[in-house]
C-alpha atoms as a PDB file:
ATOM      1  CA  MET A   1     -66.420 110.034 -64.151  1.00  0.00           C
ATOM      2  CA  ASP A   2     -67.309 107.237 -61.709  1.00  0.00           C
ATOM      3  CA  SER A   3     -70.708 105.515 -61.679  1.00  0.00           C
ATOM      4  CA  GLU A   4     -72.091 107.634 -58.820  1.00  0.00           C
ATOM      5  CA  GLU A   5     -71.164 110.883 -60.578  1.00  0.00           C
ATOM      6  CA  ALA A   6     -72.568 109.588 -63.874  1.00  0.00           C
ATOM      7  CA  THR A   7     -75.861 108.684 -62.207  1.00  0.00           C
ATOM      8  CA  ARG A   8     -76.089 112.098 -60.546  1.00  0.00           C
ATOM      9  CA  ALA A   9     -75.314 113.801 -63.865  1.00  0.00           C
ATOM     10  CA  ARG A  10     -78.135 111.908 -65.576  1.00  0.00           C
ATOM     11  CA  LEU A  11     -80.567 112.761 -62.796  1.00  0.00           C
ATOM     12  CA  GLU A  12     -79.710 116.452 -63.140  1.00  0.00           C
ATOM     13  CA  THR A  13     -80.485 116.621 -66.862  1.00  0.00           C
ATOM     14  CA  ALA A  14     -83.641 118.003 -68.443  1.00  0.00           C
ATOM     15  CA  ALA A  15     -84.630 114.564 -69.783  1.00  0.00           C
ATOM     16  CA  ALA A  16     -84.757 113.163 -66.234  1.00  0.00           C
ATOM     17  CA  HIS A  17     -87.603 115.576 -65.419  1.00  0.00           C
ATOM     18  CA  ALA A  18     -89.596 115.102 -68.637  1.00  0.00           C
ATOM     19  CA  CYS A  19     -93.029 113.452 -68.542  1.00  0.00           C
ATOM     20  CA  ARG A  20     -93.672 111.129 -71.496  1.00  0.00           C
ATOM     21  CA  ASN A  21     -97.376 110.606 -70.907  1.00  0.00           C
ATOM     22  CA  VAL A  22     -98.620 113.923 -72.298  1.00  0.00           C
ATOM     23  CA  PRO A  23    -101.121 114.891 -75.016  1.00  0.00           C
ATOM     24  CA  VAL A  24     -99.546 114.855 -78.482  1.00  0.00           C
ATOM     25  CA  ALA A  25    -101.186 115.932 -81.728  1.00  0.00           C
ATOM     26  CA  ALA A  26    -100.306 116.649 -85.346  1.00  0.00           C
ATOM     27  CA  PRO A  27    -100.277 120.150 -86.850  1.00  0.00           C
ATOM     28  CA  GLU A  28    -103.242 119.323 -89.126  1.00  0.00           C
ATOM     29  CA  ASP A  29    -105.417 118.032 -86.263  1.00  0.00           C
ATOM     30  CA  THR A  30    -108.414 120.216 -85.423  1.00  0.00           C
ATOM     31  CA  ALA A  31    -109.097 121.557 -81.950  1.00  0.00           C
ATOM     32  CA  ARG A  32    -112.297 119.497 -81.781  1.00  0.00           C
ATOM     33  CA  ALA A  33    -110.503 116.260 -82.660  1.00  0.00           C
ATOM     34  CA  VAL A  34    -107.761 116.821 -80.107  1.00  0.00           C
ATOM     35  CA  VAL A  35    -110.200 117.647 -77.298  1.00  0.00           C
ATOM     36  CA  ALA A  36    -112.288 114.583 -78.134  1.00  0.00           C
ATOM     37  CA  ARG A  37    -109.166 112.402 -78.104  1.00  0.00           C
ATOM     38  CA  MET A  38    -108.110 113.768 -74.717  1.00  0.00           C
ATOM     39  CA  ARG A  39    -111.438 113.004 -73.025  1.00  0.00           C
ATOM     40  CA  GLY A  40    -111.230 109.971 -70.770  1.00  0.00           C
ATOM     41  CA  GLN A  41    -107.425 109.851 -70.912  1.00  0.00           C
ATOM     42  CA  ARG A  42    -105.118 110.200 -67.931  1.00  0.00           C
ATOM     43  CA  TYR A  43    -101.946 112.238 -68.444  1.00  0.00           C
ATOM     44  CA  ASP A  44     -99.011 113.100 -66.247  1.00  0.00           C
ATOM     45  CA  THR A  45     -99.637 116.684 -67.293  1.00  0.00           C
ATOM     46  CA  ALA A  46    -102.178 118.165 -69.717  1.00  0.00           C
ATOM     47  CA  ALA A  47    -101.336 121.849 -69.396  1.00  0.00           C
ATOM     48  CA  VAL A  48     -99.735 121.837 -72.854  1.00  0.00           C
ATOM     49  CA  VAL A  49    -100.332 119.842 -76.034  1.00  0.00           C
ATOM     50  CA  ALA A  50     -97.177 118.950 -77.935  1.00  0.00           C
ATOM     51  CA  VAL A  51     -97.608 119.402 -81.685  1.00  0.00           C
ATOM     52  CA  CYS A  52     -95.371 116.937 -83.537  1.00  0.00           C
ATOM     53  CA  ALA A  53     -94.800 115.781 -87.106  1.00  0.00           C
ATOM     54  CA  GLU A  54     -92.887 112.527 -87.631  1.00  0.00           C
ATOM     55  CA  ASN A  55     -92.046 112.617 -83.915  1.00  0.00           C
ATOM     56  CA  ARG A  56     -90.342 116.009 -84.295  1.00  0.00           C
ATOM     57  CA  LEU A  57     -91.565 118.881 -82.180  1.00  0.00           C
ATOM     58  CA  ARG A  58     -93.269 121.573 -84.260  1.00  0.00           C
ATOM     59  CA  GLY A  59     -94.906 123.651 -81.532  1.00  0.00           C
ATOM     60  CA  LEU A  60     -96.884 123.807 -78.301  1.00  0.00           C
ATOM     61  CA  VAL A  61    -100.510 124.677 -77.624  1.00  0.00           C
ATOM     62  CA  THR A  62    -101.668 125.586 -74.147  1.00  0.00           C
ATOM     63  CA  ILE A  63    -104.860 123.996 -72.902  1.00  0.00           C
ATOM     64  CA  GLU A  64    -106.407 127.477 -72.629  1.00  0.00           C
ATOM     65  CA  LYS A  65    -105.827 128.155 -76.343  1.00  0.00           C
ATOM     66  CA  LEU A  66    -107.106 124.721 -77.264  1.00  0.00           C
ATOM     67  CA  PHE A  67    -110.452 125.119 -75.484  1.00  0.00           C
ATOM     68  CA  ALA A  68    -110.874 128.709 -76.678  1.00  0.00           C
ATOM     69  CA  ALA A  69    -110.352 127.795 -80.349  1.00  0.00           C
ATOM     70  CA  ALA A  70    -113.176 127.063 -82.783  1.00  0.00           C
ATOM     71  CA  ASP A  71    -113.782 123.375 -83.479  1.00  0.00           C
ATOM     72  CA  SER A  72    -112.476 123.549 -87.044  1.00  0.00           C
ATOM     73  CA  VAL A  73    -109.254 125.412 -86.260  1.00  0.00           C
ATOM     74  CA  ARG A  74    -106.107 123.394 -86.918  1.00  0.00           C
ATOM     75  CA  LEU A  75    -103.416 123.262 -84.232  1.00  0.00           C
ATOM     76  CA  ALA A  76    -100.876 124.686 -86.700  1.00  0.00           C
ATOM     77  CA  GLU A  77    -102.873 127.953 -86.583  1.00  0.00           C
ATOM     78  CA  ILE A  78    -102.858 128.361 -82.790  1.00  0.00           C
ATOM     79  CA  MET A  79     -99.620 126.701 -81.721  1.00  0.00           C
ATOM     80  CA  ASP A  80     -96.491 128.486 -80.596  1.00  0.00           C
ATOM     81  CA  SER A  81     -94.200 127.594 -83.494  1.00  0.00           C
ATOM     82  CA  ASP A  82     -91.101 128.706 -81.572  1.00  0.00           C
ATOM     83  CA  PRO A  83     -91.784 127.013 -78.230  1.00  0.00           C
ATOM     84  CA  PRO A  84     -89.468 126.879 -75.227  1.00  0.00           C
ATOM     85  CA  ALA A  85     -87.531 123.652 -75.700  1.00  0.00           C
ATOM     86  CA  VAL A  86     -84.317 122.255 -74.303  1.00  0.00           C
ATOM     87  CA  ALA A  87     -82.092 119.347 -75.313  1.00  0.00           C
ATOM     88  CA  GLY A  88     -82.479 116.298 -73.099  1.00  0.00           C
ATOM     89  CA  HIS A  89     -78.802 116.265 -72.081  1.00  0.00           C
ATOM     90  CA  ASN A  90     -78.852 119.882 -70.892  1.00  0.00           C
ATOM     91  CA  ASP A  91     -78.460 120.686 -67.218  1.00  0.00           C
ATOM     92  CA  GLN A  92     -81.702 121.028 -65.277  1.00  0.00           C
ATOM     93  CA  GLU A  93     -80.862 124.593 -64.253  1.00  0.00           C
ATOM     94  CA  HIS A  94     -80.509 125.612 -67.893  1.00  0.00           C
ATOM     95  CA  ALA A  95     -83.943 124.092 -68.538  1.00  0.00           C
ATOM     96  CA  LEU A  96     -85.422 126.046 -65.655  1.00  0.00           C
ATOM     97  CA  TRP A  97     -83.875 129.312 -66.822  1.00  0.00           C
ATOM     98  CA  LYS A  98     -85.272 128.821 -70.333  1.00  0.00           C
ATOM     99  CA  ALA A  99     -88.746 127.918 -69.056  1.00  0.00           C
ATOM    100  CA  LEU A 100     -88.991 131.049 -66.936  1.00  0.00           C
ATOM    101  CA  ARG A 101     -88.379 133.213 -69.990  1.00  0.00           C
ATOM    102  CA  HIS A 102     -91.505 131.914 -71.778  1.00  0.00           C
ATOM    103  CA  SER A 103     -95.168 132.021 -70.914  1.00  0.00           C
ATOM    104  CA  GLU A 104     -96.117 128.376 -71.582  1.00  0.00           C
ATOM    105  CA  PRO A 105     -96.826 126.287 -68.453  1.00  0.00           C
ATOM    106  CA  GLY A 106     -94.338 123.643 -69.488  1.00  0.00           C
ATOM    107  CA  LEU A 107     -91.038 123.055 -71.231  1.00  0.00           C
ATOM    108  CA  ALA A 108     -90.519 120.677 -74.151  1.00  0.00           C
ATOM    109  CA  VAL A 109     -87.521 118.332 -74.120  1.00  0.00           C
ATOM    110  CA  THR A 110     -86.028 117.211 -77.419  1.00  0.00           C
ATOM    111  CA  GLY A 111     -83.401 114.741 -78.559  1.00  0.00           C
ATOM    112  CA  PRO A 112     -80.280 115.352 -80.678  1.00  0.00           C
ATOM    113  CA  ARG A 113     -82.279 115.233 -83.943  1.00  0.00           C
ATOM    114  CA  GLY A 114     -85.193 117.276 -82.664  1.00  0.00           C
ATOM    115  CA  GLU A 115     -87.308 114.282 -81.689  1.00  0.00           C
ATOM    116  CA  PHE A 116     -89.863 114.921 -78.964  1.00  0.00           C
ATOM    117  CA  LEU A 117     -88.911 113.322 -75.628  1.00  0.00           C
ATOM    118  CA  GLY A 118     -91.507 114.774 -73.285  1.00  0.00           C
ATOM    119  CA  LEU A 119     -92.614 117.821 -71.327  1.00  0.00           C
ATOM    120  CA  ILE A 120     -91.386 119.213 -68.030  1.00  0.00           C
ATOM    121  CA  PRO A 121     -94.532 120.287 -66.128  1.00  0.00           C
ATOM    122  CA  PRO A 122     -94.714 123.323 -63.821  1.00  0.00           C
ATOM    123  CA  HIS A 123     -94.527 121.355 -60.561  1.00  0.00           C
ATOM    124  CA  ARG A 124     -91.277 119.705 -61.635  1.00  0.00           C
ATOM    125  CA  LEU A 125     -89.828 123.062 -62.642  1.00  0.00           C
ATOM    126  CA  LEU A 126     -90.581 124.299 -59.124  1.00  0.00           C
ATOM    127  CA  THR A 127     -88.840 121.227 -57.707  1.00  0.00           C
ATOM    128  CA  VAL A 128     -85.759 122.002 -59.791  1.00  0.00           C
ATOM    129  CA  LEU A 129     -85.881 125.617 -58.630  1.00  0.00           C
ATOM    130  CA  LEU A 130     -85.870 124.534 -54.975  1.00  0.00           C
ATOM    131  CA  GLU A 131     -83.077 122.000 -55.531  1.00  0.00           C
ATOM    132  CA  GLU A 132     -80.883 124.506 -57.348  1.00  0.00           C
ATOM    133  CA  HIS A 133     -81.487 127.129 -54.665  1.00  0.00           C
ATOM    134  CA  ASP A 134     -80.464 124.704 -51.904  1.00  0.00           C
ATOM    135  CA  GLU A 135     -77.443 123.603 -53.889  1.00  0.00           C
ATOM    136  CA  ASP A 136     -76.237 127.133 -54.641  1.00  0.00           C
ATOM    137  CA  VAL A 137     -76.545 128.188 -51.006  1.00  0.00           C
ATOM    138  CA  ALA A 138     -74.558 125.149 -49.888  1.00  0.00           C
ATOM    139  CA  ARG A 139     -71.863 125.543 -52.525  1.00  0.00           C
ATOM    140  CA  LEU A 140     -71.442 129.254 -51.882  1.00  0.00           C
ATOM    141  CA  SER A 141     -70.940 128.351 -48.235  1.00  0.00           C
ATOM    142  CA  GLY A 142     -68.036 126.238 -49.433  1.00  0.00           C
ATOM    143  CA  TYR A 143     -68.840 122.976 -47.701  1.00  0.00           C
ATOM    144  CA  LEU A 144     -71.277 121.053 -49.914  1.00  0.00           C
ATOM    145  CA  LYS A 145     -71.754 120.602 -53.646  1.00  0.00           C
ATOM    146  CA  SER A 146     -75.031 118.712 -53.995  1.00  0.00           C
ATOM    147  CA  ALA A 147     -78.668 119.485 -53.354  1.00  0.00           C
ATOM    148  CA  ALA A 148     -79.089 116.242 -51.433  1.00  0.00           C
ATOM    149  CA  GLY A 149     -76.251 117.235 -49.158  1.00  0.00           C
ATOM    150  CA  ALA A 150     -77.769 120.657 -48.672  1.00  0.00           C
ATOM    151  CA  ARG A 151     -81.022 119.155 -47.447  1.00  0.00           C
ATOM    152  CA  SER A 152     -79.304 116.758 -45.035  1.00  0.00           C
ATOM    153  CA  ALA A 153     -76.798 119.290 -43.686  1.00  0.00           C
ATOM    154  CA  SER A 154     -79.034 120.254 -40.778  1.00  0.00           C
ATOM    155  CA  THR A 155     -79.240 116.673 -39.485  1.00  0.00           C
ATOM    156  CA  GLU A 156     -75.765 115.283 -40.228  1.00  0.00           C
ATOM    157  CA  THR A 157     -73.386 114.176 -37.486  1.00  0.00           C
ATOM    158  CA  VAL A 158     -70.793 116.409 -35.860  1.00  0.00           C
ATOM    159  CA  ARG A 159     -68.016 114.484 -37.652  1.00  0.00           C
ATOM    160  CA  ARG A 160     -69.639 115.121 -41.044  1.00  0.00           C
ATOM    161  CA  ARG A 161     -70.187 118.786 -40.205  1.00  0.00           C
ATOM    162  CA  LEU A 162     -66.483 119.165 -39.411  1.00  0.00           C
ATOM    163  CA  TRP A 163     -65.483 117.354 -42.609  1.00  0.00           C
ATOM    164  CA  HIS A 164     -67.646 119.612 -44.767  1.00  0.00           C
ATOM    165  CA  ARG A 165     -66.699 122.924 -43.181  1.00  0.00           C
ATOM    166  CA  LEU A 166     -63.221 122.668 -41.701  1.00  0.00           C
ATOM    167  CA  PRO A 167     -61.151 122.592 -44.936  1.00  0.00           C
ATOM    168  CA  TRP A 168     -62.342 126.008 -46.079  1.00  0.00           C
ATOM    169  CA  LEU A 169     -62.029 127.401 -42.568  1.00  0.00           C
ATOM    170  CA  LEU A 170     -58.408 126.230 -42.533  1.00  0.00           C
ATOM    171  CA  VAL A 171     -57.916 128.185 -45.765  1.00  0.00           C
ATOM    172  CA  GLY A 172     -59.341 131.164 -43.900  1.00  0.00           C
ATOM    173  CA  LEU A 173     -56.935 130.557 -41.013  1.00  0.00           C
ATOM    174  CA  VAL A 174     -53.977 130.665 -43.408  1.00  0.00           C
ATOM    175  CA  GLY A 175     -55.398 133.897 -44.798  1.00  0.00           C
ATOM    176  CA  ALA A 176     -55.685 135.329 -41.299  1.00  0.00           C
ATOM    177  CA  MET A 177     -52.027 134.542 -40.614  1.00  0.00           C
ATOM    178  CA  LEU A 178     -51.021 136.213 -43.878  1.00  0.00           C
ATOM    179  CA  ALA A 179     -53.155 139.237 -42.992  1.00  0.00           C
ATOM    180  CA  ALA A 180     -51.440 139.474 -39.600  1.00  0.00           C
ATOM    181  CA  GLY A 181     -48.101 139.329 -41.383  1.00  0.00           C
ATOM    182  CA  LEU A 182     -49.125 142.189 -43.663  1.00  0.00           C
ATOM    183  CA  VAL A 183     -50.174 144.359 -40.738  1.00  0.00           C
ATOM    184  CA  ASP A 184     -46.924 143.525 -38.921  1.00  0.00           C
ATOM    185  CA  ALA A 185     -44.931 144.624 -41.985  1.00  0.00           C
ATOM    186  CA  PHE A 186     -46.468 148.090 -41.627  1.00  0.00           C
ATOM    187  CA  GLN A 187     -46.093 148.218 -37.837  1.00  0.00           C
ATOM    188  CA  ALA A 188     -43.909 151.356 -37.864  1.00  0.00           C
ATOM    189  CA  GLN A 189     -46.494 153.277 -39.911  1.00  0.00           C
ATOM    190  CA  LEU A 190     -49.321 152.182 -37.641  1.00  0.00           C
ATOM    191  CA  GLU A 191     -47.390 153.215 -34.532  1.00  0.00           C
ATOM    192  CA  ARG A 192     -46.863 156.700 -35.976  1.00  0.00           C
ATOM    193  CA  GLN A 193     -50.546 157.087 -36.857  1.00  0.00           C
ATOM    194  CA  VAL A 194     -52.721 154.690 -34.849  1.00  0.00           C
ATOM    195  CA  LEU A 195     -55.877 156.113 -36.445  1.00  0.00           C
ATOM    196  CA  VAL A 196     -54.941 154.335 -39.678  1.00  0.00           C
ATOM    197  CA  ALA A 197     -55.568 150.955 -38.035  1.00  0.00           C
ATOM    198  CA  PHE A 198     -59.125 151.871 -37.042  1.00  0.00           C
ATOM    199  CA  PHE A 199     -60.359 151.662 -40.635  1.00  0.00           C
ATOM    200  CA  ILE A 200     -58.949 148.260 -41.609  1.00  0.00           C
ATOM    201  CA  PRO A 201     -62.122 146.299 -40.646  1.00  0.00           C
ATOM    202  CA  GLY A 202     -64.406 148.719 -42.486  1.00  0.00           C
ATOM    203  CA  ILE A 203     -62.384 148.641 -45.708  1.00  0.00           C
ATOM    204  CA  VAL A 204     -62.173 144.849 -45.608  1.00  0.00           C
ATOM    205  CA  TYR A 205     -65.929 144.544 -45.031  1.00  0.00           C
ATOM    206  CA  LEU A 206     -66.939 146.923 -47.831  1.00  0.00           C
ATOM    207  CA  ALA A 207     -64.590 145.268 -50.316  1.00  0.00           C
ATOM    208  CA  ASP A 208     -65.987 141.843 -49.347  1.00  0.00           C
ATOM    209  CA  ALA A 209     -69.546 143.086 -49.803  1.00  0.00           C
ATOM    210  CA  VAL A 210     -68.815 144.419 -53.292  1.00  0.00           C
ATOM    211  CA  GLY A 211     -67.009 141.200 -54.216  1.00  0.00           C
ATOM    212  CA  THR A 212     -69.848 139.019 -52.936  1.00  0.00           C
ATOM    213  CA  GLN A 213     -72.394 140.904 -55.030  1.00  0.00           C
ATOM    214  CA  THR A 214     -70.264 140.549 -58.176  1.00  0.00           C
ATOM    215  CA  GLU A 215     -69.545 136.879 -57.455  1.00  0.00           C
ATOM    216  CA  ALA A 216     -73.258 136.115 -57.119  1.00  0.00           C
ATOM    217  CA  VAL A 217     -73.964 137.736 -60.497  1.00  0.00           C
ATOM    218  CA  VAL A 218     -71.108 135.899 -62.231  1.00  0.00           C
ATOM    219  CA  ILE A 219     -71.895 132.469 -60.759  1.00  0.00           C
ATOM    220  CA  ARG A 220     -75.577 132.724 -61.567  1.00  0.00           C
ATOM    221  CA  GLY A 221     -74.673 133.782 -65.098  1.00  0.00           C
ATOM    222  CA  LEU A 222     -72.288 130.861 -65.574  1.00  0.00           C
ATOM    223  CA  SER A 223     -74.871 128.419 -64.212  1.00  0.00           C
ATOM    224  CA  VAL A 224     -77.403 129.377 -66.906  1.00  0.00           C
ATOM    225  CA  GLY A 225     -74.969 129.620 -69.800  1.00  0.00           C
ATOM    226  CA  VAL A 226     -74.116 133.335 -69.725  1.00  0.00           C
ATOM    227  CA  GLY A 227     -70.372 133.671 -70.306  1.00  0.00           C
ATOM    228  CA  VAL A 228     -68.142 135.948 -68.253  1.00  0.00           C
ATOM    229  CA  GLU A 229     -67.347 137.939 -71.392  1.00  0.00           C
ATOM    230  CA  ARG A 230     -70.973 139.153 -71.453  1.00  0.00           C
ATOM    231  CA  ILE A 231     -70.768 140.254 -67.825  1.00  0.00           C
ATOM    232  CA  VAL A 232     -67.251 141.585 -67.431  1.00  0.00           C
ATOM    233  CA  ARG A 233     -67.623 145.072 -68.961  1.00  0.00           C
ATOM    234  CA  ARG A 234     -70.737 146.008 -67.003  1.00  0.00           C
ATOM    235  CA  GLU A 235     -69.422 144.560 -63.757  1.00  0.00           C
ATOM    236  CA  ILE A 236     -66.105 146.389 -64.099  1.00  0.00           C
ATOM    237  CA  VAL A 237     -67.917 149.681 -64.668  1.00  0.00           C
ATOM    238  CA  THR A 238     -70.286 148.911 -61.787  1.00  0.00           C
ATOM    239  CA  GLY A 239     -67.396 148.076 -59.454  1.00  0.00           C
ATOM    240  CA  LEU A 240     -65.575 151.300 -60.336  1.00  0.00           C
ATOM    241  CA  LEU A 241     -68.705 153.399 -59.836  1.00  0.00           C
ATOM    242  CA  ILE A 242     -69.521 151.742 -56.506  1.00  0.00           C
ATOM    243  CA  GLY A 243     -65.950 152.253 -55.315  1.00  0.00           C
ATOM    244  CA  ALA A 244     -66.005 155.910 -56.384  1.00  0.00           C
ATOM    245  CA  LEU A 245     -69.353 156.611 -54.726  1.00  0.00           C
ATOM    246  CA  ILE A 246     -68.326 154.926 -51.461  1.00  0.00           C
ATOM    247  CA  ALA A 247     -65.029 156.829 -51.513  1.00  0.00           C
ATOM    248  CA  LEU A 248     -66.812 160.150 -52.071  1.00  0.00           C
ATOM    249  CA  ALA A 249     -69.119 159.428 -49.142  1.00  0.00           C
ATOM    250  CA  ALA A 250     -66.291 158.238 -46.862  1.00  0.00           C
ATOM    251  CA  TYR A 251     -64.031 161.294 -47.168  1.00  0.00           C
ATOM    252  CA  PRO A 252     -66.318 163.972 -45.646  1.00  0.00           C
ATOM    253  CA  LEU A 253     -67.696 161.527 -43.073  1.00  0.00           C
ATOM    254  CA  THR A 254     -64.285 160.468 -41.736  1.00  0.00           C
ATOM    255  CA  LEU A 255     -63.017 164.041 -41.874  1.00  0.00           C
ATOM    256  CA  LEU A 256     -66.000 165.268 -39.863  1.00  0.00           C
ATOM    257  CA  LEU A 257     -65.576 162.616 -37.181  1.00  0.00           C
ATOM    258  CA  TRP A 258     -61.771 162.380 -36.840  1.00  0.00           C
ATOM    259  CA  HIS A 259     -60.479 165.684 -38.301  1.00  0.00           C
ATOM    260  CA  ALA A 260     -57.490 164.044 -40.018  1.00  0.00           C
ATOM    261  CA  ALA A 261     -57.441 164.988 -43.703  1.00  0.00           C
ATOM    262  CA  PRO A 262     -54.521 162.694 -44.731  1.00  0.00           C
ATOM    263  CA  VAL A 263     -56.161 159.674 -43.098  1.00  0.00           C
ATOM    264  CA  SER A 264     -59.519 160.522 -44.688  1.00  0.00           C
ATOM    265  CA  ALA A 265     -57.843 160.759 -48.079  1.00  0.00           C
ATOM    266  CA  ALA A 266     -56.094 157.415 -47.563  1.00  0.00           C
ATOM    267  CA  VAL A 267     -59.359 155.757 -46.533  1.00  0.00           C
ATOM    268  CA  SER A 268     -61.223 157.150 -49.554  1.00  0.00           C
ATOM    269  CA  LEU A 269     -58.564 156.175 -52.077  1.00  0.00           C
ATOM    270  CA  SER A 270     -58.245 152.726 -50.518  1.00  0.00           C
ATOM    271  CA  LEU A 271     -61.992 152.129 -50.646  1.00  0.00           C
ATOM    272  CA  PHE A 272     -62.039 153.012 -54.328  1.00  0.00           C
ATOM    273  CA  ALA A 273     -59.115 150.704 -55.103  1.00  0.00           C
ATOM    274  CA  ALA A 274     -60.191 147.841 -52.807  1.00  0.00           C
ATOM    275  CA  CYS A 275     -63.771 147.738 -54.101  1.00  0.00           C
ATOM    276  CA  SER A 276     -62.527 147.732 -57.711  1.00  0.00           C
ATOM    277  CA  VAL A 277     -60.021 144.957 -57.007  1.00  0.00           C
ATOM    278  CA  ALA A 278     -62.618 142.887 -55.121  1.00  0.00           C
ATOM    279  CA  SER A 279     -64.992 143.118 -58.077  1.00  0.00           C
ATOM    280  CA  ALA A 280     -62.232 141.901 -60.424  1.00  0.00           C
ATOM    281  CA  VAL A 281     -61.320 138.980 -58.135  1.00  0.00           C
ATOM    282  CA  ALA A 282     -64.983 137.975 -57.858  1.00  0.00           C
ATOM    283  CA  MET A 283     -65.179 137.749 -61.658  1.00  0.00           C
ATOM    284  CA  VAL A 284     -61.849 136.070 -62.346  1.00  0.00           C
ATOM    285  CA  LEU A 285     -62.008 133.317 -59.702  1.00  0.00           C
ATOM    286  CA  PRO A 286     -65.315 131.696 -60.805  1.00  0.00           C
ATOM    287  CA  TRP A 287     -64.146 131.967 -64.422  1.00  0.00           C
ATOM    288  CA  ILE A 288     -60.916 130.101 -63.586  1.00  0.00           C
ATOM    289  CA  PHE A 289     -62.879 127.430 -61.705  1.00  0.00           C
ATOM    290  CA  ALA A 290     -65.203 126.992 -64.698  1.00  0.00           C
ATOM    291  CA  LYS A 291     -62.250 126.716 -67.123  1.00  0.00           C
ATOM    292  CA  LEU A 292     -60.686 124.016 -64.928  1.00  0.00           C
ATOM    293  CA  GLY A 293     -63.944 122.048 -64.959  1.00  0.00           C
ATOM    294  CA  ILE A 294     -64.658 122.796 -61.286  1.00  0.00           C
ATOM    295  CA  ASP A 295     -68.088 123.996 -60.194  1.00  0.00           C
ATOM    296  CA  PRO A 296     -67.578 127.805 -60.017  1.00  0.00           C
ATOM    297  CA  ALA A 297     -69.756 128.075 -56.920  1.00  0.00           C
ATOM    298  CA  PHE A 298     -67.969 125.341 -54.966  1.00  0.00           C
ATOM    299  CA  GLY A 299     -65.374 127.047 -52.817  1.00  0.00           C
ATOM    300  CA  SER A 300     -65.345 130.351 -54.713  1.00  0.00           C
ATOM    301  CA  GLY A 301     -66.954 132.166 -51.810  1.00  0.00           C
ATOM    302  CA  PRO A 302     -64.466 131.230 -49.064  1.00  0.00           C
ATOM    303  CA  LEU A 303     -61.446 131.420 -51.372  1.00  0.00           C
ATOM    304  CA  ALA A 304     -62.521 134.752 -52.863  1.00  0.00           C
ATOM    305  CA  THR A 305     -63.054 136.135 -49.362  1.00  0.00           C
ATOM    306  CA  VAL A 306     -59.480 135.268 -48.312  1.00  0.00           C
ATOM    307  CA  ILE A 307     -57.971 136.770 -51.456  1.00  0.00           C
ATOM    308  CA  GLN A 308     -60.112 139.910 -51.276  1.00  0.00           C
ATOM    309  CA  ASP A 309     -59.298 140.452 -47.605  1.00  0.00           C
ATOM    310  CA  LEU A 310     -55.549 140.177 -48.171  1.00  0.00           C
ATOM    311  CA  LEU A 311     -55.631 142.489 -51.179  1.00  0.00           C
ATOM    312  CA  SER A 312     -57.827 145.023 -49.361  1.00  0.00           C
ATOM    313  CA  ILE A 313     -55.449 145.178 -46.389  1.00  0.00           C
ATOM    314  CA  LEU A 314     -52.408 145.418 -48.662  1.00  0.00           C
ATOM    315  CA  VAL A 315     -53.961 148.190 -50.769  1.00  0.00           C
ATOM    316  CA  TYR A 316     -55.012 150.183 -47.722  1.00  0.00           C
ATOM    317  CA  LEU A 317     -51.673 149.969 -45.903  1.00  0.00           C
ATOM    318  CA  VAL A 318     -49.700 150.860 -49.032  1.00  0.00           C
ATOM    319  CA  VAL A 319     -51.958 153.832 -49.788  1.00  0.00           C
ATOM    320  CA  ALA A 320     -51.914 154.951 -46.145  1.00  0.00           C
ATOM    321  CA  THR A 321     -48.128 154.796 -46.072  1.00  0.00           C
ATOM    322  CA  ALA A 322     -47.896 156.906 -49.231  1.00  0.00           C
ATOM    323  CA  VAL A 323     -50.506 159.488 -48.211  1.00  0.00           C
ATOM    324  CA  VAL A 324     -50.175 159.759 -44.419  1.00  0.00           C
ATOM    325  CA  GLY A 325     -46.423 159.205 -44.345  1.00  0.00           C
END
C-alpha cells in the first residue's frame, strides 16, 4: 500500500472520527459529582458520558439519563453496560452501521485492549453517512472509487471525465459486439419467427433490474460486514420467486396481445431463467471481487450488466429455438 492509500485508509477508520475531548467518569461517580464536574467545561461533544475504569470503557450514559437521575445515583446504575462501541481500526462505514442499531447519540471507539479512545458524535456520523452514500453511488457507476472523487465529479475536466468513464464503457462495447454475435448465430430462427426478436430488449431489461436489486443488497451487506453466505439463500429464493411471478404475468399478457402461444411460452420460460441467472451473477461477482481484495462496488455494476445481458440473450434465444422451433 503506497503512502497515499495508507493515509486514505487511516482517514476512513473509526478512530479518525473520534472526539477525545468528551466527558469521562468512573462507574462509582455519582450523578451530582459528574454534573458538577462538567459545569464550566467545554467539550467537543457532551451528548454522552463515557464511563471508564482504568481507561477501559465500561459503559455510556446519555446526558438525558444523567440529568434525570437522583444526585446520589452512581453511574454504574444508569449506564448502558453493553454500549455501541467499535474498534479504532474498523472502517468508518462499519462504525456508522453499528451506531444506527443503537439508541445512544454517539458511538464509543476503543483500542485493541479495550482502552477508550473517544466518541464519534452524531454530526460526524451524519458526515460519514453522506460520504459513504456519495462513494457508493460513484463506485456503482463504475468510474470512481472515492468519496472525494464523487464530490468533484461534477466539476472535473472533460479529459478526467473520459478517463473515469470510458474504460467501463469500452467493456460495454465489447459486450455489445458479443451480443450482436449471439443474435447473428440465431439469425435463421429469427427469420422464421420475427416476433421472437421483439422481446429481446424486454427480457434483457427485466433481468438487469433483478440483478441490480440483488447486487445492491449484496454490496451493502459486504460493506457492513454481512457475508454473502448469510444472504445467498434468501436472495436465491427471492430471485426464483420474482422470475416465476414475472413469467406467470408475461404469458397471458403476450398471448393476449400477439396470439402466439409458442412465443409466449418461450418468453415466460426465458424470463424465469434469465431473472434467476441474473440474481446469481449479481451475488457471485461482488463476492469474487471481495475475495480478490477489490472493492466489490467498484466496477461490479458495469461488469455485471454486460454479463447479465449476454446470458439473458443466450438463454432467451436457446429457449426460443427449442420451444418455437
